[in-house]
Amino acid sequence: MMAKRVKTPSDIGTLVRSARKEQKLRQDELAGVAGVGLRFIVDLEAGKPTAQIGKVLQVLQTLGCSVDILAPGERRQ
């Protein structure tokens, strides 16, 4: 999967859904291995803006995604 620019909760949801499907995981399976509830995965994939950041990072890490935050003026190498 290529690097994706994420600007909204919906962008994160789309990324999580595509990574999950690419790995042939059901939502309940991802929830189990990530240590979160099924409802959290459903809401996350739907782009719910109030998702807890710690749990979001946990799910992304479970899927093998990394998060890079660039300071203003920094550019991706």
C-alpha atoms as a PDB file:
ATOM      1  CA  MET A   1       0.000   0.000   0.000  1.00  0.00           C
ATOM      2  CA  MET A   2       1.311   3.455  -0.916  1.00  0.00           C
ATOM      3  CA  ALA A   3       1.571   6.400   1.450  1.00  0.00           C
ATOM      4  CA  LYS A   4      -1.739   8.198   1.826  1.00  0.00           C
ATOM      5  CA  ARG A   5      -2.330  11.785   2.831  1.00  0.00           C
ATOM      6  CA  VAL A   6      -4.907  11.837   5.604  1.00  0.00           C
ATOM      7  CA  LYS A   7      -6.829  15.018   6.310  1.00  0.00           C
ATOM      8  CA  THR A   8     -10.134  13.825   7.765  1.00  0.00           C
ATOM      9  CA  PRO A   9     -11.502  11.031   9.959  1.00  0.00           C
ATOM     10  CA  SER A  10     -13.186   9.722   6.817  1.00  0.00           C
ATOM     11  CA  ASP A  11      -9.757   9.397   5.136  1.00  0.00           C
ATOM     12  CA  ILE A  12      -8.563   7.258   8.059  1.00  0.00           C
ATOM     13  CA  GLY A  13     -11.698   5.116   7.818  1.00  0.00           C
ATOM     14  CA  THR A  14     -11.149   4.531   4.120  1.00  0.00           C
ATOM     15  CA  LEU A  15      -7.509   3.591   4.725  1.00  0.00           C
ATOM     16  CA  VAL A  16      -8.423   1.161   7.535  1.00  0.00           C
ATOM     17  CA  ARG A  17     -11.165  -0.466   5.446  1.00  0.00           C
ATOM     18  CA  SER A  18      -8.928  -0.957   2.407  1.00  0.00           C
ATOM     19  CA  ALA A  19      -6.010  -2.297   4.490  1.00  0.00           C
ATOM     20  CA  ARG A  20      -8.361  -4.682   6.318  1.00  0.00           C
ATOM     21  CA  LYS A  21      -9.868  -5.989   3.081  1.00  0.00           C
ATOM     22  CA  GLU A  22      -6.407  -6.301   1.497  1.00  0.00           C
ATOM     23  CA  GLN A  23      -5.465  -8.556   4.434  1.00  0.00           C
ATOM     24  CA  LYS A  24      -8.729 -10.503   4.042  1.00  0.00           C
ATOM     25  CA  LEU A  25      -9.891  -9.716   7.567  1.00  0.00           C
ATOM     26  CA  ARG A  26     -13.500  -9.289   8.647  1.00  0.00           C
ATOM     27  CA  GLN A  27     -14.294  -6.348  10.893  1.00  0.00           C
ATOM     28  CA  ASP A  28     -14.790  -8.637  13.895  1.00  0.00           C
ATOM     29  CA  GLU A  29     -11.456 -10.357  13.229  1.00  0.00           C
ATOM     30  CA  LEU A  30      -9.623  -7.024  13.092  1.00  0.00           C
ATOM     31  CA  ALA A  31     -11.338  -5.921  16.284  1.00  0.00           C
ATOM     32  CA  GLY A  32     -10.185  -9.106  18.029  1.00  0.00           C
ATOM     33  CA  VAL A  33      -6.541  -8.907  17.008  1.00  0.00           C
ATOM     34  CA  ALA A  34      -6.373  -5.152  17.639  1.00  0.00           C
ATOM     35  CA  GLY A  35      -7.941  -5.476  21.082  1.00  0.00           C
ATOM     36  CA  VAL A  36     -10.861  -3.142  20.361  1.00  0.00           C
ATOM     37  CA  GLY A  37     -14.591  -3.688  20.004  1.00  0.00           C
ATOM     38  CA  LEU A  38     -16.410  -4.414  16.762  1.00  0.00           C
ATOM     39  CA  ARG A  39     -18.455  -1.205  17.175  1.00  0.00           C
ATOM     40  CA  PHE A  40     -15.179   0.765  17.287  1.00  0.00           C
ATOM     41  CA  ILE A  41     -14.050  -0.729  13.947  1.00  0.00           C
ATOM     42  CA  VAL A  42     -17.446  -0.053  12.368  1.00  0.00           C
ATOM     43  CA  ASP A  43     -17.385   3.571  13.574  1.00  0.00           C
ATOM     44  CA  LEU A  44     -13.727   4.034  12.588  1.00  0.00           C
ATOM     45  CA  GLU A  45     -14.345   2.793   9.039  1.00  0.00           C
ATOM     46  CA  ALA A  46     -17.390   5.068   8.833  1.00  0.00           C
ATOM     47  CA  GLY A  47     -15.148   8.059   9.615  1.00  0.00           C
ATOM     48  CA  LYS A  48     -16.609   8.860  13.035  1.00  0.00           C
ATOM     49  CA  PRO A  49     -14.752  12.010  14.110  1.00  0.00           C
ATOM     50  CA  THR A  50     -14.736  11.243  17.840  1.00  0.00           C
ATOM     51  CA  ALA A  51     -12.717   8.007  17.666  1.00  0.00           C
ATOM     52  CA  GLN A  52     -10.131   7.705  20.458  1.00  0.00           C
ATOM     53  CA  ILE A  53      -6.693   8.398  19.013  1.00  0.00           C
ATOM     54  CA  GLY A  54      -4.995   5.683  21.081  1.00  0.00           C
ATOM     55  CA  LYS A  55      -7.327   3.027  19.733  1.00  0.00           C
ATOM     56  CA  VAL A  56      -6.996   4.383  16.185  1.00  0.00           C
ATOM     57  CA  LEU A  57      -3.206   4.075  16.426  1.00  0.00           C
ATOM     58  CA  GLN A  58      -3.592   0.546  17.854  1.00  0.00           C
ATOM     59  CA  VAL A  59      -5.721  -0.518  14.864  1.00  0.00           C
ATOM     60  CA  LEU A  60      -3.354   1.103  12.362  1.00  0.00           C
ATOM     61  CA  GLN A  61      -0.370  -0.631  13.975  1.00  0.00           C
ATOM     62  CA  THR A  62      -2.205  -3.974  13.898  1.00  0.00           C
ATOM     63  CA  LEU A  63      -2.730  -3.512  10.158  1.00  0.00           C
ATOM     64  CA  GLY A  64       0.972  -2.724   9.701  1.00  0.00           C
ATOM     65  CA  CYS A  65       0.420   0.962   8.990  1.00  0.00           C
ATOM     66  CA  SER A  66       2.693   3.629  10.398  1.00  0.00           C
ATOM     67  CA  VAL A  67       1.827   7.236  11.085  1.00  0.00           C
ATOM     68  CA  ASP A  68       4.214  10.034  10.134  1.00  0.00           C
ATOM     69  CA  ILE A  69       3.324  13.541  11.222  1.00  0.00           C
ATOM     70  CA  LEU A  70       5.241  16.274   9.480  1.00  0.00           C
ATOM     71  CA  ALA A  71       5.796  19.629  11.158  1.00  0.00           C
ATOM     72  CA  PRO A  72       4.867  22.724   9.145  1.00  0.00           C
ATOM     73  CA  GLY A  73       7.450  23.233   6.420  1.00  0.00           C
ATOM     74  CA  GLU A  74       8.765  19.660   6.546  1.00  0.00           C
ATOM     75  CA  ARG A  75       8.588  17.601   3.404  1.00  0.00           C
ATOM     76  CA  ARG A  76       8.347  13.868   2.973  1.00  0.00           C
ATOM     77  CA  GLN A  77      11.662  12.424   1.751  1.00  0.00           C
END
